[in-house]
Amino acid sequence: MRTVIKLTALVSAIAMVLLVGAPASHAYEGPWCARSGGSNDYVENCSMRSFEMCLNEISGTGGGAICSPNPRYHADSARPPVRRKYRGR
């Protein structure tokens, strides 16, 4: 019985360390937004990675659903530019 209690305490302690050390997640902004609902009251999900994914998201939601480009989406510009060696002639 003591072994079970010790094992449970150890597993709980490891789980707490892993959860506390986990980084916060960030919302993903994709290039497409799925918008459904009425003109004044609507739901918008802008995490769609492709137009096809957006169409699958809005299928079956009714007549007021559309897919539109995400105006807040910016392509990943964090890649460093390619540096080329200068070859003088």
N, C-alpha and C. Protein backbone atom coordinates (compact mmCIF):
# COMPACT_ATOMS: atom_id res chain seq x y z
N MET A 1 0.82 -1.19 0.00
CA MET A 1 0.00 0.00 0.00
C MET A 1 0.87 1.26 0.00
N ARG A 2 1.95 1.24 0.80
CA ARG A 2 2.84 2.40 0.84
C ARG A 2 3.50 2.64 -0.51
N THR A 3 3.81 1.56 -1.21
CA THR A 3 4.44 1.68 -2.52
C THR A 3 3.49 2.37 -3.50
N VAL A 4 2.22 2.05 -3.45
CA VAL A 4 1.23 2.67 -4.33
C VAL A 4 1.12 4.16 -4.03
N ILE A 5 1.11 4.51 -2.76
CA ILE A 5 1.02 5.92 -2.38
C ILE A 5 2.26 6.69 -2.82
N LYS A 6 3.43 6.09 -2.62
CA LYS A 6 4.68 6.74 -3.05
C LYS A 6 4.72 6.90 -4.56
N LEU A 7 4.30 5.85 -5.28
CA LEU A 7 4.29 5.91 -6.74
C LEU A 7 3.31 6.97 -7.24
N THR A 8 2.15 7.06 -6.62
CA THR A 8 1.16 8.08 -7.00
C THR A 8 1.70 9.48 -6.74
N ALA A 9 2.36 9.68 -5.61
CA ALA A 9 2.94 10.98 -5.28
C ALA A 9 4.04 11.35 -6.27
N LEU A 10 4.86 10.37 -6.64
CA LEU A 10 5.94 10.63 -7.60
C LEU A 10 5.39 11.00 -8.98
N VAL A 11 4.40 10.26 -9.44
CA VAL A 11 3.79 10.56 -10.74
C VAL A 11 3.13 11.94 -10.71
N SER A 12 2.46 12.26 -9.63
CA SER A 12 1.81 13.58 -9.50
C SER A 12 2.85 14.70 -9.51
N ALA A 13 3.96 14.50 -8.82
CA ALA A 13 5.01 15.52 -8.78
C ALA A 13 5.62 15.73 -10.16
N ILE A 14 5.86 14.66 -10.88
CA ILE A 14 6.42 14.77 -12.23
C ILE A 14 5.43 15.48 -13.16
N ALA A 15 4.16 15.14 -13.05
CA ALA A 15 3.14 15.79 -13.88
C ALA A 15 3.08 17.29 -13.59
N MET A 16 3.16 17.68 -12.34
CA MET A 16 3.12 19.10 -11.98
C MET A 16 4.33 19.85 -12.54
N VAL A 17 5.50 19.24 -12.47
CA VAL A 17 6.71 19.88 -13.01
C VAL A 17 6.58 20.06 -14.51
N LEU A 18 6.06 19.06 -15.20
CA LEU A 18 5.89 19.17 -16.65
C LEU A 18 4.84 20.21 -17.02
N LEU A 19 3.76 20.30 -16.27
CA LEU A 19 2.71 21.26 -16.58
C LEU A 19 3.15 22.69 -16.30
N VAL A 20 3.86 22.90 -15.21
CA VAL A 20 4.31 24.25 -14.87
C VAL A 20 5.36 24.73 -15.86
N GLY A 21 6.20 23.83 -16.34
CA GLY A 21 7.27 24.21 -17.25
C GLY A 21 6.84 24.31 -18.71
N ALA A 22 5.59 23.97 -19.01
CA ALA A 22 5.12 24.00 -20.40
C ALA A 22 4.92 25.45 -20.85
N PRO A 23 5.38 25.79 -22.06
CA PRO A 23 5.18 27.16 -22.55
C PRO A 23 3.72 27.41 -22.90
N ALA A 24 3.30 28.66 -22.80
CA ALA A 24 1.94 29.03 -23.15
C ALA A 24 1.73 28.89 -24.65
N SER A 25 0.57 28.43 -25.06
CA SER A 25 0.30 28.29 -26.48
C SER A 25 -0.17 29.62 -27.05
N HIS A 26 0.09 29.80 -28.30
CA HIS A 26 -0.31 31.02 -28.99
C HIS A 26 -1.34 30.66 -30.05
N ALA A 27 -2.29 31.52 -30.24
CA ALA A 27 -3.31 31.29 -31.25
C ALA A 27 -2.67 31.35 -32.63
N TYR A 28 -3.06 30.45 -33.49
CA TYR A 28 -2.52 30.41 -34.84
C TYR A 28 -3.39 31.25 -35.76
N GLU A 29 -2.78 32.14 -36.49
CA GLU A 29 -3.49 32.94 -37.49
C GLU A 29 -3.17 32.34 -38.86
N GLY A 30 -4.15 31.74 -39.48
CA GLY A 30 -3.96 31.15 -40.79
C GLY A 30 -4.34 32.13 -41.89
N PRO A 31 -4.11 31.76 -43.13
CA PRO A 31 -4.42 32.65 -44.25
C PRO A 31 -5.91 32.75 -44.58
N TRP A 32 -6.76 31.86 -44.00
CA TRP A 32 -8.19 31.87 -44.31
C TRP A 32 -9.03 31.95 -43.05
N CYS A 33 -10.16 32.65 -43.14
CA CYS A 33 -11.11 32.76 -42.04
C CYS A 33 -12.42 32.09 -42.42
N ALA A 34 -12.97 31.30 -41.51
CA ALA A 34 -14.30 30.71 -41.68
C ALA A 34 -15.24 31.57 -40.84
N ARG A 35 -16.25 32.13 -41.49
CA ARG A 35 -17.19 33.03 -40.82
C ARG A 35 -18.59 32.48 -40.99
N SER A 36 -19.29 32.30 -39.87
CA SER A 36 -20.65 31.79 -39.95
C SER A 36 -21.53 32.56 -38.98
N GLY A 37 -22.80 32.61 -39.30
CA GLY A 37 -23.76 33.32 -38.46
C GLY A 37 -24.39 34.46 -39.24
N GLY A 38 -25.10 35.31 -38.53
CA GLY A 38 -25.77 36.44 -39.15
C GLY A 38 -24.85 37.62 -39.38
N SER A 39 -25.42 38.73 -39.84
CA SER A 39 -24.61 39.91 -40.14
C SER A 39 -24.14 40.61 -38.87
N ASN A 40 -24.96 40.63 -37.83
CA ASN A 40 -24.57 41.30 -36.58
C ASN A 40 -23.96 40.35 -35.57
N ASP A 41 -24.40 39.11 -35.57
CA ASP A 41 -23.92 38.13 -34.61
C ASP A 41 -23.30 36.97 -35.38
N TYR A 42 -21.96 36.91 -35.41
CA TYR A 42 -21.29 35.87 -36.19
C TYR A 42 -20.12 35.31 -35.40
N VAL A 43 -19.64 34.16 -35.86
CA VAL A 43 -18.47 33.50 -35.29
C VAL A 43 -17.41 33.45 -36.37
N GLU A 44 -16.19 33.84 -36.03
CA GLU A 44 -15.11 33.86 -37.00
C GLU A 44 -13.94 33.04 -36.46
N ASN A 45 -13.45 32.13 -37.28
CA ASN A 45 -12.30 31.30 -36.94
C ASN A 45 -11.25 31.51 -38.02
N CYS A 46 -10.17 32.18 -37.68
CA CYS A 46 -9.13 32.51 -38.66
C CYS A 46 -7.90 31.64 -38.51
N SER A 47 -8.10 30.37 -38.21
CA SER A 47 -6.96 29.47 -38.07
C SER A 47 -6.88 28.47 -39.22
N MET A 48 -7.60 28.74 -40.31
CA MET A 48 -7.63 27.81 -41.43
C MET A 48 -6.34 27.91 -42.25
N ARG A 49 -5.71 26.77 -42.46
CA ARG A 49 -4.43 26.74 -43.18
C ARG A 49 -4.58 26.69 -44.69
N SER A 50 -5.78 26.32 -45.16
CA SER A 50 -6.02 26.27 -46.60
C SER A 50 -7.49 26.58 -46.88
N PHE A 51 -7.78 26.90 -48.12
CA PHE A 51 -9.16 27.19 -48.51
C PHE A 51 -10.03 25.95 -48.36
N GLU A 52 -9.48 24.77 -48.70
CA GLU A 52 -10.22 23.52 -48.57
C GLU A 52 -10.56 23.24 -47.11
N MET A 53 -9.62 23.52 -46.22
CA MET A 53 -9.88 23.34 -44.79
C MET A 53 -11.00 24.26 -44.33
N CYS A 54 -11.02 25.47 -44.85
CA CYS A 54 -12.06 26.42 -44.51
C CYS A 54 -13.42 25.93 -45.01
N LEU A 55 -13.46 25.43 -46.23
CA LEU A 55 -14.72 24.91 -46.77
C LEU A 55 -15.24 23.75 -45.93
N ASN A 56 -14.34 22.88 -45.47
CA ASN A 56 -14.76 21.77 -44.61
C ASN A 56 -15.29 22.29 -43.27
N GLU A 57 -14.73 23.36 -42.78
CA GLU A 57 -15.16 23.94 -41.51
C GLU A 57 -16.58 24.50 -41.58
N ILE A 58 -16.93 25.13 -42.70
CA ILE A 58 -18.24 25.77 -42.80
C ILE A 58 -19.31 24.87 -43.39
N SER A 59 -18.93 23.69 -43.88
CA SER A 59 -19.93 22.82 -44.50
C SER A 59 -20.97 22.39 -43.47
N GLY A 60 -22.23 22.54 -43.82
CA GLY A 60 -23.32 22.14 -42.96
C GLY A 60 -23.72 23.17 -41.91
N THR A 61 -23.16 24.38 -41.98
CA THR A 61 -23.50 25.39 -40.98
C THR A 61 -24.64 26.29 -41.40
N GLY A 62 -25.09 26.19 -42.62
CA GLY A 62 -26.20 27.03 -43.07
C GLY A 62 -25.78 27.98 -44.17
N GLY A 63 -26.71 28.85 -44.56
CA GLY A 63 -26.49 29.73 -45.70
C GLY A 63 -25.61 30.93 -45.43
N GLY A 64 -25.39 31.31 -44.17
CA GLY A 64 -24.64 32.53 -43.89
C GLY A 64 -23.16 32.31 -43.67
N ALA A 65 -22.61 31.16 -44.08
CA ALA A 65 -21.20 30.86 -43.83
C ALA A 65 -20.37 31.16 -45.07
N ILE A 66 -19.21 31.79 -44.85
CA ILE A 66 -18.31 32.11 -45.95
C ILE A 66 -16.87 31.85 -45.54
N CYS A 67 -16.00 31.72 -46.52
CA CYS A 67 -14.56 31.68 -46.31
C CYS A 67 -13.99 32.95 -46.93
N SER A 68 -13.12 33.61 -46.21
CA SER A 68 -12.51 34.83 -46.74
C SER A 68 -11.05 34.89 -46.32
N PRO A 69 -10.23 35.61 -47.08
CA PRO A 69 -8.82 35.77 -46.70
C PRO A 69 -8.71 36.48 -45.35
N ASN A 70 -7.74 36.06 -44.55
CA ASN A 70 -7.52 36.65 -43.24
C ASN A 70 -6.71 37.94 -43.39
N PRO A 71 -7.27 39.09 -43.05
CA PRO A 71 -6.53 40.34 -43.20
C PRO A 71 -5.39 40.49 -42.19
N ARG A 72 -5.41 39.71 -41.12
CA ARG A 72 -4.37 39.80 -40.10
C ARG A 72 -3.23 38.83 -40.33
N TYR A 73 -3.34 37.98 -41.35
CA TYR A 73 -2.32 36.95 -41.59
C TYR A 73 -1.11 37.55 -42.28
N HIS A 74 0.05 37.23 -41.75
CA HIS A 74 1.32 37.62 -42.36
C HIS A 74 2.15 36.36 -42.53
N ALA A 75 2.62 36.13 -43.73
CA ALA A 75 3.45 34.95 -43.98
C ALA A 75 4.69 35.02 -43.10
N ASP A 76 5.21 33.87 -42.77
CA ASP A 76 6.37 33.80 -41.88
C ASP A 76 7.55 34.53 -42.49
N SER A 77 7.89 35.65 -41.91
CA SER A 77 9.03 36.42 -42.39
C SER A 77 10.20 36.30 -41.44
N ALA A 78 10.16 35.30 -40.57
CA ALA A 78 11.23 35.13 -39.58
C ALA A 78 12.44 34.42 -40.15
N ARG A 79 12.32 33.89 -41.36
CA ARG A 79 13.47 33.21 -41.96
C ARG A 79 14.54 34.22 -42.31
N PRO A 80 15.79 33.93 -41.96
CA PRO A 80 16.85 34.87 -42.31
C PRO A 80 17.10 34.86 -43.82
N PRO A 81 17.50 36.00 -44.37
CA PRO A 81 17.77 36.04 -45.80
C PRO A 81 18.97 35.16 -46.15
N VAL A 82 18.94 34.64 -47.35
CA VAL A 82 20.04 33.80 -47.81
C VAL A 82 21.22 34.70 -48.17
N ARG A 83 22.35 34.43 -47.57
CA ARG A 83 23.55 35.22 -47.87
C ARG A 83 24.40 34.44 -48.85
N ARG A 84 24.81 35.12 -49.88
CA ARG A 84 25.64 34.49 -50.90
C ARG A 84 27.03 35.11 -50.86
N LYS A 85 27.99 34.26 -51.09
CA LYS A 85 29.35 34.75 -51.09
C LYS A 85 29.59 35.60 -52.33
N TYR A 86 30.31 36.68 -52.14
CA TYR A 86 30.66 37.55 -53.25
C TYR A 86 31.83 36.92 -53.99
N ARG A 87 31.66 36.76 -55.27
CA ARG A 87 32.74 36.23 -56.10
C ARG A 87 33.15 37.30 -57.09
N GLY A 88 34.14 38.01 -56.73
CA GLY A 88 34.65 39.05 -57.64
C GLY A 88 35.39 38.44 -58.81
N ARG A 89 35.30 39.05 -59.96
CA ARG A 89 35.99 38.54 -61.16
C ARG A 89 37.05 39.48 -61.60
